[in-house]
Amino acid sequence: ASITVKEGITTIGNYIFYKCTKATALSLPEGITSVGQGAFRLCQRIA
């Protein structure tokens, strides 16, 4: 239903949230420096 990336993570890996089709909420920490290939692919409900 929701995705939260914890503090200390710097990279959103390739396809890490692939097919999280029901997720409507996303929270990313300030330390993220890169978003990988297809990282949020098919996160169809995040607005």
All heavy atoms as atom14 arrays in JSON, in Angstrom:
{
  "sequence": "ASITVKEGITTIGNYIFYKCTKATALSLPEGITSVGQGAFRLCQRIA",
  "atom14_mask": [
    [1, 1, 1, 1, 1, 0, 0, 0, 0, 0, 0, 0, 0, 0],
    [1, 1, 1, 1, 1, 1, 0, 0, 0, 0, 0, 0, 0, 0],
    [1, 1, 1, 1, 1, 1, 1, 1, 0, 0, 0, 0, 0, 0],
    [1, 1, 1, 1, 1, 1, 1, 0, 0, 0, 0, 0, 0, 0],
    [1, 1, 1, 1, 1, 1, 1, 0, 0, 0, 0, 0, 0, 0],
    [1, 1, 1, 1, 1, 1, 1, 1, 1, 0, 0, 0, 0, 0],
    [1, 1, 1, 1, 1, 1, 1, 1, 1, 0, 0, 0, 0, 0],
    [1, 1, 1, 1, 0, 0, 0, 0, 0, 0, 0, 0, 0, 0],
    [1, 1, 1, 1, 1, 1, 1, 1, 0, 0, 0, 0, 0, 0],
    [1, 1, 1, 1, 1, 1, 1, 0, 0, 0, 0, 0, 0, 0],
    [1, 1, 1, 1, 1, 1, 1, 0, 0, 0, 0, 0, 0, 0],
    [1, 1, 1, 1, 1, 1, 1, 1, 0, 0, 0, 0, 0, 0],
    [1, 1, 1, 1, 0, 0, 0, 0, 0, 0, 0, 0, 0, 0],
    [1, 1, 1, 1, 1, 1, 1, 1, 0, 0, 0, 0, 0, 0],
    [1, 1, 1, 1, 1, 1, 1, 1, 1, 1, 1, 1, 0, 0],
    [1, 1, 1, 1, 1, 1, 1, 1, 0, 0, 0, 0, 0, 0],
    [1, 1, 1, 1, 1, 1, 1, 1, 1, 1, 1, 0, 0, 0],
    [1, 1, 1, 1, 1, 1, 1, 1, 1, 1, 1, 1, 0, 0],
    [1, 1, 1, 1, 1, 1, 1, 1, 1, 0, 0, 0, 0, 0],
    [1, 1, 1, 1, 1, 1, 0, 0, 0, 0, 0, 0, 0, 0],
    [1, 1, 1, 1, 1, 1, 1, 0, 0, 0, 0, 0, 0, 0],
    [1, 1, 1, 1, 1, 1, 1, 1, 1, 0, 0, 0, 0, 0],
    [1, 1, 1, 1, 1, 0, 0, 0, 0, 0, 0, 0, 0, 0],
    [1, 1, 1, 1, 1, 1, 1, 0, 0, 0, 0, 0, 0, 0],
    [1, 1, 1, 1, 1, 0, 0, 0, 0, 0, 0, 0, 0, 0],
    [1, 1, 1, 1, 1, 1, 1, 1, 0, 0, 0, 0, 0, 0],
    [1, 1, 1, 1, 1, 1, 0, 0, 0, 0, 0, 0, 0, 0],
    [1, 1, 1, 1, 1, 1, 1, 1, 0, 0, 0, 0, 0, 0],
    [1, 1, 1, 1, 1, 1, 1, 0, 0, 0, 0, 0, 0, 0],
    [1, 1, 1, 1, 1, 1, 1, 1, 1, 0, 0, 0, 0, 0],
    [1, 1, 1, 1, 0, 0, 0, 0, 0, 0, 0, 0, 0, 0],
    [1, 1, 1, 1, 1, 1, 1, 1, 0, 0, 0, 0, 0, 0],
    [1, 1, 1, 1, 1, 1, 1, 0, 0, 0, 0, 0, 0, 0],
    [1, 1, 1, 1, 1, 1, 0, 0, 0, 0, 0, 0, 0, 0],
    [1, 1, 1, 1, 1, 1, 1, 0, 0, 0, 0, 0, 0, 0],
    [1, 1, 1, 1, 0, 0, 0, 0, 0, 0, 0, 0, 0, 0],
    [1, 1, 1, 1, 1, 1, 1, 1, 1, 0, 0, 0, 0, 0],
    [1, 1, 1, 1, 0, 0, 0, 0, 0, 0, 0, 0, 0, 0],
    [1, 1, 1, 1, 1, 0, 0, 0, 0, 0, 0, 0, 0, 0],
    [1, 1, 1, 1, 1, 1, 1, 1, 1, 1, 1, 0, 0, 0],
    [1, 1, 1, 1, 1, 1, 1, 1, 1, 1, 1, 0, 0, 0],
    [1, 1, 1, 1, 1, 1, 1, 1, 0, 0, 0, 0, 0, 0],
    [1, 1, 1, 1, 1, 1, 0, 0, 0, 0, 0, 0, 0, 0],
    [1, 1, 1, 1, 1, 1, 1, 1, 1, 0, 0, 0, 0, 0],
    [1, 1, 1, 1, 1, 1, 1, 1, 1, 1, 1, 0, 0, 0],
    [1, 1, 1, 1, 1, 1, 1, 1, 0, 0, 0, 0, 0, 0],
    [1, 1, 1, 1, 1, 0, 0, 0, 0, 0, 0, 0, 0, 0]
  ],
  "atom14_positions": [
    [[0.81, -1.22, 0.0], [0.0, 0.0, 0.0], [0.85, 1.27, 0.0], [0.45, 2.28, -0.55], [-0.93, 0.0, 1.21], [0.0, 0.0, 0.0], [0.0, 0.0, 0.0], [0.0, 0.0, 0.0], [0.0, 0.0, 0.0], [0.0, 0.0, 0.0], [0.0, 0.0, 0.0], [0.0, 0.0, 0.0], [0.0, 0.0, 0.0], [0.0, 0.0, 0.0]],
    [[2.02, 1.22, 0.62], [2.89, 2.38, 0.64], [4.35, 1.94, 0.64], [4.67, 0.85, 1.09], [2.61, 3.26, 1.87], [2.94, 2.58, 3.05], [0.0, 0.0, 0.0], [0.0, 0.0, 0.0], [0.0, 0.0, 0.0], [0.0, 0.0, 0.0], [0.0, 0.0, 0.0], [0.0, 0.0, 0.0], [0.0, 0.0, 0.0], [0.0, 0.0, 0.0]],
    [[5.19, 2.8, 0.1], [6.61, 2.5, -0.01], [7.37, 3.57, 0.77], [7.19, 4.76, 0.54], [7.07, 2.52, -1.49], [6.29, 1.48, -2.3], [8.57, 2.31, -1.59], [6.44, 1.63, -3.8], [0.0, 0.0, 0.0], [0.0, 0.0, 0.0], [0.0, 0.0, 0.0], [0.0, 0.0, 0.0], [0.0, 0.0, 0.0], [0.0, 0.0, 0.0]],
    [[8.25, 3.12, 1.68], [9.09, 4.04, 2.43], [10.53, 3.55, 2.32], [10.81, 2.4, 2.65], [8.69, 4.08, 3.93], [7.33, 4.49, 4.01], [9.57, 5.04, 4.7], [0.0, 0.0, 0.0], [0.0, 0.0, 0.0], [0.0, 0.0, 0.0], [0.0, 0.0, 0.0], [0.0, 0.0, 0.0], [0.0, 0.0, 0.0], [0.0, 0.0, 0.0]],
    [[11.41, 4.41, 1.86], [12.82, 4.07, 1.78], [13.49, 4.71, 2.99], [13.34, 5.91, 3.23], [13.44, 4.58, 0.46], [14.93, 4.25, 0.41], [12.72, 3.98, -0.73], [0.0, 0.0, 0.0], [0.0, 0.0, 0.0], [0.0, 0.0, 0.0], [0.0, 0.0, 0.0], [0.0, 0.0, 0.0], [0.0, 0.0, 0.0], [0.0, 0.0, 0.0]],
    [[14.22, 3.91, 3.75], [14.82, 4.38, 5.0], [16.02, 5.3, 4.75], [16.67, 5.23, 3.72], [15.25, 3.19, 5.85], [14.09, 2.38, 6.36], [14.58, 1.24, 7.23], [13.41, 0.44, 7.76], [13.85, -0.68, 8.57], [0.0, 0.0, 0.0], [0.0, 0.0, 0.0], [0.0, 0.0, 0.0], [0.0, 0.0, 0.0], [0.0, 0.0, 0.0]],
    [[16.3, 6.15, 5.76], [17.48, 7.01, 5.74], [18.73, 6.15, 5.56], [18.79, 5.03, 6.04], [17.59, 7.8, 7.05], [16.52, 8.84, 7.24], [16.63, 10.0, 6.27], [17.73, 10.32, 5.8], [15.57, 10.59, 5.97], [0.0, 0.0, 0.0], [0.0, 0.0, 0.0], [0.0, 0.0, 0.0], [0.0, 0.0, 0.0], [0.0, 0.0, 0.0]],
    [[19.7, 6.67, 4.87], [20.95, 5.95, 4.64], [21.03, 5.3, 3.28], [22.12, 4.99, 2.79], [0.0, 0.0, 0.0], [0.0, 0.0, 0.0], [0.0, 0.0, 0.0], [0.0, 0.0, 0.0], [0.0, 0.0, 0.0], [0.0, 0.0, 0.0], [0.0, 0.0, 0.0], [0.0, 0.0, 0.0], [0.0, 0.0, 0.0], [0.0, 0.0, 0.0]],
    [[19.89, 5.06, 2.64], [19.86, 4.5, 1.29], [20.17, 5.64, 0.32], [19.62, 6.72, 0.43], [18.48, 3.88, 0.97], [18.14, 2.77, 1.95], [18.42, 3.4, -0.47], [19.04, 1.56, 1.88], [0.0, 0.0, 0.0], [0.0, 0.0, 0.0], [0.0, 0.0, 0.0], [0.0, 0.0, 0.0], [0.0, 0.0, 0.0], [0.0, 0.0, 0.0]],
    [[21.08, 5.39, -0.63], [21.45, 6.43, -1.59], [21.02, 6.13, -3.01], [20.98, 7.03, -3.84], [22.97, 6.67, -1.57], [23.64, 5.45, -1.9], [23.44, 7.16, -0.21], [0.0, 0.0, 0.0], [0.0, 0.0, 0.0], [0.0, 0.0, 0.0], [0.0, 0.0, 0.0], [0.0, 0.0, 0.0], [0.0, 0.0, 0.0], [0.0, 0.0, 0.0]],
    [[20.7, 4.89, -3.3], [20.34, 4.5, -4.67], [19.04, 3.73, -4.67], [18.86, 2.79, -3.89], [21.45, 3.62, -5.28], [22.67, 4.35, -5.29], [21.11, 3.19, -6.69], [0.0, 0.0, 0.0], [0.0, 0.0, 0.0], [0.0, 0.0, 0.0], [0.0, 0.0, 0.0], [0.0, 0.0, 0.0], [0.0, 0.0, 0.0], [0.0, 0.0, 0.0]],
    [[18.13, 4.13, -5.56], [16.92, 3.34, -5.81], [17.31, 2.4, -6.95], [17.53, 2.84, -8.08], [15.73, 4.24, -6.24], [15.43, 5.3, -5.18], [14.51, 3.39, -6.53], [14.97, 4.76, -3.85], [0.0, 0.0, 0.0], [0.0, 0.0, 0.0], [0.0, 0.0, 0.0], [0.0, 0.0, 0.0], [0.0, 0.0, 0.0], [0.0, 0.0, 0.0]],
    [[17.46, 1.13, -6.66], [17.97, 0.16, -7.62], [17.05, -0.12, -8.79], [15.86, 0.22, -8.77], [0.0, 0.0, 0.0], [0.0, 0.0, 0.0], [0.0, 0.0, 0.0], [0.0, 0.0, 0.0], [0.0, 0.0, 0.0], [0.0, 0.0, 0.0], [0.0, 0.0, 0.0], [0.0, 0.0, 0.0], [0.0, 0.0, 0.0], [0.0, 0.0, 0.0]],
    [[17.6, -0.76, -9.8], [16.83, -1.14, -10.98], [15.66, -2.03, -10.59], [15.84, -3.01, -9.87], [17.71, -1.89, -11.98], [18.8, -1.03, -12.56], [18.77, 0.18, -12.45], [19.79, -1.66, -13.17], [0.0, 0.0, 0.0], [0.0, 0.0, 0.0], [0.0, 0.0, 0.0], [0.0, 0.0, 0.0], [0.0, 0.0, 0.0], [0.0, 0.0, 0.0]],
    [[14.48, -1.68, -11.04], [13.25, -2.46, -10.87], [12.9, -2.76, -9.41], [12.14, -3.68, -9.14], [13.32, -3.76, -11.68], [13.51, -3.51, -13.14], [14.78, -3.57, -13.73], [12.43, -3.16, -13.94], [14.95, -3.3, -15.07], [12.61, -2.88, -15.28], [13.87, -2.96, -15.84], [14.04, -2.69, -17.17], [0.0, 0.0, 0.0], [0.0, 0.0, 0.0]],
    [[13.41, -2.0, -8.47], [13.23, -2.3, -7.05], [11.76, -2.29, -6.63], [11.35, -3.08, -5.79], [14.08, -1.37, -6.16], [14.14, -1.87, -4.73], [13.6, 0.05, -6.2], [15.0, -3.05, -4.53], [0.0, 0.0, 0.0], [0.0, 0.0, 0.0], [0.0, 0.0, 0.0], [0.0, 0.0, 0.0], [0.0, 0.0, 0.0], [0.0, 0.0, 0.0]],
    [[10.96, -1.41, -7.2], [9.54, -1.35, -6.84], [8.65, -1.81, -7.99], [7.47, -1.44, -8.07], [9.16, 0.06, -6.38], [9.96, 0.5, -5.2], [10.8, 1.59, -5.29], [9.89, -0.19, -4.0], [11.56, 1.99, -4.2], [10.64, 0.19, -2.91], [11.48, 1.29, -3.0], [0.0, 0.0, 0.0], [0.0, 0.0, 0.0], [0.0, 0.0, 0.0]],
    [[9.2, -2.62, -8.86], [8.48, -3.16, -10.01], [7.21, -3.88, -9.57], [7.25, -4.7, -8.66], [9.41, -4.1, -10.76], [8.8, -4.81, -11.94], [8.34, -4.11, -13.04], [8.7, -6.19, -11.95], [7.8, -4.78, -14.13], [8.17, -6.87, -13.03], [7.71, -6.14, -14.12], [7.18, -6.81, -15.18], [0.0, 0.0, 0.0], [0.0, 0.0, 0.0]],
    [[6.11, -3.55, -10.2], [4.8, -4.17, -9.96], [4.24, -3.91, -8.58], [3.45, -4.7, -8.07], [4.85, -5.67, -10.24], [4.82, -6.01, -11.7], [4.55, -7.49, -11.88], [4.45, -7.81, -13.36], [4.2, -9.23, -13.58], [0.0, 0.0, 0.0], [0.0, 0.0, 0.0], [0.0, 0.0, 0.0], [0.0, 0.0, 0.0], [0.0, 0.0, 0.0]],
    [[4.61, -2.81, -7.94], [3.92, -2.42, -6.7], [2.67, -1.67, -7.14], [2.53, -0.45, -6.92], [4.83, -1.56, -5.82], [6.14, -2.51, -5.03], [0.0, 0.0, 0.0], [0.0, 0.0, 0.0], [0.0, 0.0, 0.0], [0.0, 0.0, 0.0], [0.0, 0.0, 0.0], [0.0, 0.0, 0.0], [0.0, 0.0, 0.0], [0.0, 0.0, 0.0]],
    [[1.79, -2.39, -7.77], [0.62, -1.8, -8.44], [-0.41, -1.23, -7.48], [-1.24, -0.42, -7.88], [-0.06, -2.83, -9.35], [-0.44, -3.96, -8.54], [0.86, -3.3, -10.46], [0.0, 0.0, 0.0], [0.0, 0.0, 0.0], [0.0, 0.0, 0.0], [0.0, 0.0, 0.0], [0.0, 0.0, 0.0], [0.0, 0.0, 0.0], [0.0, 0.0, 0.0]],
    [[-0.4, -1.64, -6.23], [-1.38, -1.16, -5.26], [-0.86, 0.03, -4.45], [-1.63, 0.68, -3.73], [-1.78, -2.27, -4.3], [-2.24, -3.55, -4.98], [-3.71, -3.53, -5.22], [-4.18, -4.93, -5.59], [-4.78, -5.04, -6.85], [0.0, 0.0, 0.0], [0.0, 0.0, 0.0], [0.0, 0.0, 0.0], [0.0, 0.0, 0.0], [0.0, 0.0, 0.0]],
    [[0.43, 0.32, -4.53], [1.02, 1.41, -3.73], [0.47, 2.76, -4.16], [0.42, 3.08, -5.34], [2.54, 1.4, -3.87], [0.0, 0.0, 0.0], [0.0, 0.0, 0.0], [0.0, 0.0, 0.0], [0.0, 0.0, 0.0], [0.0, 0.0, 0.0], [0.0, 0.0, 0.0], [0.0, 0.0, 0.0], [0.0, 0.0, 0.0], [0.0, 0.0, 0.0]],
    [[0.04, 3.55, -3.17], [-0.47, 4.89, -3.44], [0.39, 5.96, -2.8], [0.24, 7.13, -3.11], [-1.92, 5.05, -2.92], [-1.93, 4.77, -1.52], [-2.87, 4.13, -3.66], [0.0, 0.0, 0.0], [0.0, 0.0, 0.0], [0.0, 0.0, 0.0], [0.0, 0.0, 0.0], [0.0, 0.0, 0.0], [0.0, 0.0, 0.0], [0.0, 0.0, 0.0]],
    [[1.29, 5.58, -1.91], [2.14, 6.54, -1.21], [3.61, 6.17, -1.36], [3.96, 4.99, -1.4], [1.77, 6.58, 0.27], [0.0, 0.0, 0.0], [0.0, 0.0, 0.0], [0.0, 0.0, 0.0], [0.0, 0.0, 0.0], [0.0, 0.0, 0.0], [0.0, 0.0, 0.0], [0.0, 0.0, 0.0], [0.0, 0.0, 0.0], [0.0, 0.0, 0.0]],
    [[4.46, 7.19, -1.44], [5.89, 6.99, -1.62], [6.64, 8.01, -0.78], [6.35, 9.2, -0.84], [6.26, 7.16, -3.1], [7.74, 7.17, -3.46], [8.38, 5.82, -3.16], [7.92, 7.52, -4.92], [0.0, 0.0, 0.0], [0.0, 0.0, 0.0], [0.0, 0.0, 0.0], [0.0, 0.0, 0.0], [0.0, 0.0, 0.0], [0.0, 0.0, 0.0]],
    [[7.61, 7.55, -0.01], [8.42, 8.44, 0.81], [9.9, 8.11, 0.58], [10.33, 6.97, 0.76], [8.07, 8.26, 2.29], [8.9, 9.05, 3.09], [0.0, 0.0, 0.0], [0.0, 0.0, 0.0], [0.0, 0.0, 0.0], [0.0, 0.0, 0.0], [0.0, 0.0, 0.0], [0.0, 0.0, 0.0], [0.0, 0.0, 0.0], [0.0, 0.0, 0.0]],
    [[10.64, 9.12, 0.14], [12.07, 8.94, -0.15], [12.9, 9.85, 0.75], [12.56, 11.01, 0.92], [12.35, 9.29, -1.62], [11.6, 8.48, -2.67], [11.84, 9.06, -4.06], [12.02, 7.02, -2.62], [0.0, 0.0, 0.0], [0.0, 0.0, 0.0], [0.0, 0.0, 0.0], [0.0, 0.0, 0.0], [0.0, 0.0, 0.0], [0.0, 0.0, 0.0]],
    [[14.01, 9.34, 1.3], [14.85, 10.18, 2.15], [15.7, 11.15, 1.32], [15.89, 10.95, 0.11], [15.74, 9.17, 2.87], [15.89, 8.05, 1.89], [14.55, 7.99, 1.18], [0.0, 0.0, 0.0], [0.0, 0.0, 0.0], [0.0, 0.0, 0.0], [0.0, 0.0, 0.0], [0.0, 0.0, 0.0], [0.0, 0.0, 0.0], [0.0, 0.0, 0.0]],
    [[16.22, 12.17, 1.96], [17.0, 13.2, 1.27], [18.31, 12.7, 0.67], [18.85, 13.32, -0.21], [17.27, 14.38, 2.22], [16.06, 15.25, 2.43], [15.49, 15.82, 1.13], [16.26, 16.32, 0.28], [14.27, 15.76, 0.96], [0.0, 0.0, 0.0], [0.0, 0.0, 0.0], [0.0, 0.0, 0.0], [0.0, 0.0, 0.0], [0.0, 0.0, 0.0]],
    [[18.83, 11.59, 1.12], [20.13, 11.1, 0.66], [20.15, 10.38, -0.68], [21.21, 10.0, -1.18], [0.0, 0.0, 0.0], [0.0, 0.0, 0.0], [0.0, 0.0, 0.0], [0.0, 0.0, 0.0], [0.0, 0.0, 0.0], [0.0, 0.0, 0.0], [0.0, 0.0, 0.0], [0.0, 0.0, 0.0], [0.0, 0.0, 0.0], [0.0, 0.0, 0.0]],
    [[18.99, 10.17, -1.29], [18.93, 9.45, -2.56], [19.65, 10.27, -3.64], [19.37, 11.45, -3.82], [17.47, 9.21, -2.99], [16.72, 8.36, -1.96], [17.39, 8.58, -4.38], [17.22, 6.95, -1.81], [0.0, 0.0, 0.0], [0.0, 0.0, 0.0], [0.0, 0.0, 0.0], [0.0, 0.0, 0.0], [0.0, 0.0, 0.0], [0.0, 0.0, 0.0]],
    [[20.57, 9.61, -4.38], [21.31, 10.3, -5.44], [20.97, 9.79, -6.84], [21.23, 10.48, -7.81], [22.82, 10.17, -5.23], [23.17, 8.78, -5.23], [23.26, 10.82, -3.93], [0.0, 0.0, 0.0], [0.0, 0.0, 0.0], [0.0, 0.0, 0.0], [0.0, 0.0, 0.0], [0.0, 0.0, 0.0], [0.0, 0.0, 0.0], [0.0, 0.0, 0.0]],
    [[20.42, 8.57, -6.93], [20.08, 8.06, -8.26], [18.85, 7.16, -8.21], [18.57, 6.51, -7.21], [21.27, 7.3, -8.88], [21.54, 6.13, -8.15], [0.0, 0.0, 0.0], [0.0, 0.0, 0.0], [0.0, 0.0, 0.0], [0.0, 0.0, 0.0], [0.0, 0.0, 0.0], [0.0, 0.0, 0.0], [0.0, 0.0, 0.0], [0.0, 0.0, 0.0]],
    [[18.13, 7.16, -9.34], [16.93, 6.34, -9.51], [17.22, 5.38, -10.66], [17.48, 5.81, -11.78], [15.69, 7.22, -9.82], [14.47, 6.35, -10.06], [15.45, 8.22, -8.71], [0.0, 0.0, 0.0], [0.0, 0.0, 0.0], [0.0, 0.0, 0.0], [0.0, 0.0, 0.0], [0.0, 0.0, 0.0], [0.0, 0.0, 0.0], [0.0, 0.0, 0.0]],
    [[17.18, 4.09, -10.37], [17.55, 3.08, -11.34], [16.54, 2.83, -12.44], [15.4, 3.3, -12.4], [0.0, 0.0, 0.0], [0.0, 0.0, 0.0], [0.0, 0.0, 0.0], [0.0, 0.0, 0.0], [0.0, 0.0, 0.0], [0.0, 0.0, 0.0], [0.0, 0.0, 0.0], [0.0, 0.0, 0.0], [0.0, 0.0, 0.0], [0.0, 0.0, 0.0]],
    [[16.98, 2.07, -13.41], [16.15, 1.71, -14.57], [14.9, 0.99, -14.1], [14.96, 0.04, -13.32], [16.97, 0.81, -15.49], [16.21, 0.33, -16.69], [17.09, -0.52, -17.6], [18.3, -0.38, -17.63], [16.47, -1.43, -18.32], [0.0, 0.0, 0.0], [0.0, 0.0, 0.0], [0.0, 0.0, 0.0], [0.0, 0.0, 0.0], [0.0, 0.0, 0.0]],
    [[13.75, 1.47, -14.56], [12.48, 0.83, -14.25], [12.15, 0.78, -12.77], [11.33, -0.03, -12.35], [0.0, 0.0, 0.0], [0.0, 0.0, 0.0], [0.0, 0.0, 0.0], [0.0, 0.0, 0.0], [0.0, 0.0, 0.0], [0.0, 0.0, 0.0], [0.0, 0.0, 0.0], [0.0, 0.0, 0.0], [0.0, 0.0, 0.0], [0.0, 0.0, 0.0]],
    [[12.77, 1.63, -11.96], [12.63, 1.56, -10.5], [11.19, 1.59, -10.03], [10.82, 0.89, -9.09], [13.42, 2.69, -9.85], [0.0, 0.0, 0.0], [0.0, 0.0, 0.0], [0.0, 0.0, 0.0], [0.0, 0.0, 0.0], [0.0, 0.0, 0.0], [0.0, 0.0, 0.0], [0.0, 0.0, 0.0], [0.0, 0.0, 0.0], [0.0, 0.0, 0.0]],
    [[10.36, 2.4, -10.66], [8.96, 2.52, -10.26], [8.02, 1.98, -11.34], [6.85, 2.35, -11.39], [8.63, 3.98, -9.95], [9.42, 4.51, -8.78], [10.55, 5.27, -9.0], [9.06, 4.19, -7.49], [11.29, 5.75, -7.93], [9.81, 4.65, -6.41], [10.92, 5.43, -6.64], [0.0, 0.0, 0.0], [0.0, 0.0, 0.0], [0.0, 0.0, 0.0]],
    [[8.52, 1.08, -12.15], [7.73, 0.51, -13.24], [6.46, -0.15, -12.7], [6.51, -0.94, -11.76], [8.56, -0.52, -14.0], [7.84, -1.11, -15.17], [8.71, -2.07, -15.92], [7.97, -2.6, -17.05], [8.47, -3.44, -17.92], [9.72, -3.83, -17.82], [7.75, -3.88, -18.91], [0.0, 0.0, 0.0], [0.0, 0.0, 0.0], [0.0, 0.0, 0.0]],
    [[5.35, 0.2, -13.3], [4.03, -0.33, -12.95], [3.57, 0.04, -11.54], [2.75, -0.65, -10.95], [3.97, -1.84, -13.15], [3.87, -2.28, -14.61], [4.15, -3.77, -14.74], [2.52, -1.94, -15.18], [0.0, 0.0, 0.0], [0.0, 0.0, 0.0], [0.0, 0.0, 0.0], [0.0, 0.0, 0.0], [0.0, 0.0, 0.0], [0.0, 0.0, 0.0]],
    [[4.09, 1.14, -10.99], [3.52, 1.69, -9.75], [2.35, 2.55, -10.2], [2.41, 3.77, -10.22], [4.57, 2.5, -9.0], [5.85, 1.49, -8.25], [0.0, 0.0, 0.0], [0.0, 0.0, 0.0], [0.0, 0.0, 0.0], [0.0, 0.0, 0.0], [0.0, 0.0, 0.0], [0.0, 0.0, 0.0], [0.0, 0.0, 0.0], [0.0, 0.0, 0.0]],
    [[1.31, 1.9, -10.6], [0.2, 2.5, -11.33], [-0.66, 3.46, -10.53], [-1.41, 4.24, -11.1], [-0.7, 1.4, -11.89], [0.01, 0.51, -12.84], [-0.79, -0.74, -13.16], [-1.66, -1.16, -12.4], [-0.48, -1.35, -14.29], [0.0, 0.0, 0.0], [0.0, 0.0, 0.0], [0.0, 0.0, 0.0], [0.0, 0.0, 0.0], [0.0, 0.0, 0.0]],
    [[-0.58, 3.44, -9.2], [-1.48, 4.27, -8.39], [-0.79, 5.44, -7.71], [-1.46, 6.21, -7.02], [-2.18, 3.4, -7.36], [-3.11, 2.4, -8.01], [-3.87, 1.63, -6.99], [-4.66, 0.6, -7.66], [-5.54, -0.14, -7.06], [-5.77, 0.01, -5.78], [-6.22, -1.05, -7.73], [0.0, 0.0, 0.0], [0.0, 0.0, 0.0], [0.0, 0.0, 0.0]],
    [[0.5, 5.58, -7.87], [1.2, 6.71, -7.26], [0.95, 7.94, -8.13], [1.26, 7.95, -9.31], [2.7, 6.42, -7.09], [2.89, 5.29, -6.08], [3.44, 7.68, -6.65], [4.31, 4.85, -5.89], [0.0, 0.0, 0.0], [0.0, 0.0, 0.0], [0.0, 0.0, 0.0], [0.0, 0.0, 0.0], [0.0, 0.0, 0.0], [0.0, 0.0, 0.0]],
    [[0.39, 8.98, -7.53], [0.01, 10.18, -8.27], [1.06, 11.28, -8.23], [1.17, 12.06, -9.16], [-1.32, 10.72, -7.74], [0.0, 0.0, 0.0], [0.0, 0.0, 0.0], [0.0, 0.0, 0.0], [0.0, 0.0, 0.0], [0.0, 0.0, 0.0], [0.0, 0.0, 0.0], [0.0, 0.0, 0.0], [0.0, 0.0, 0.0], [0.0, 0.0, 0.0]]
  ]
}
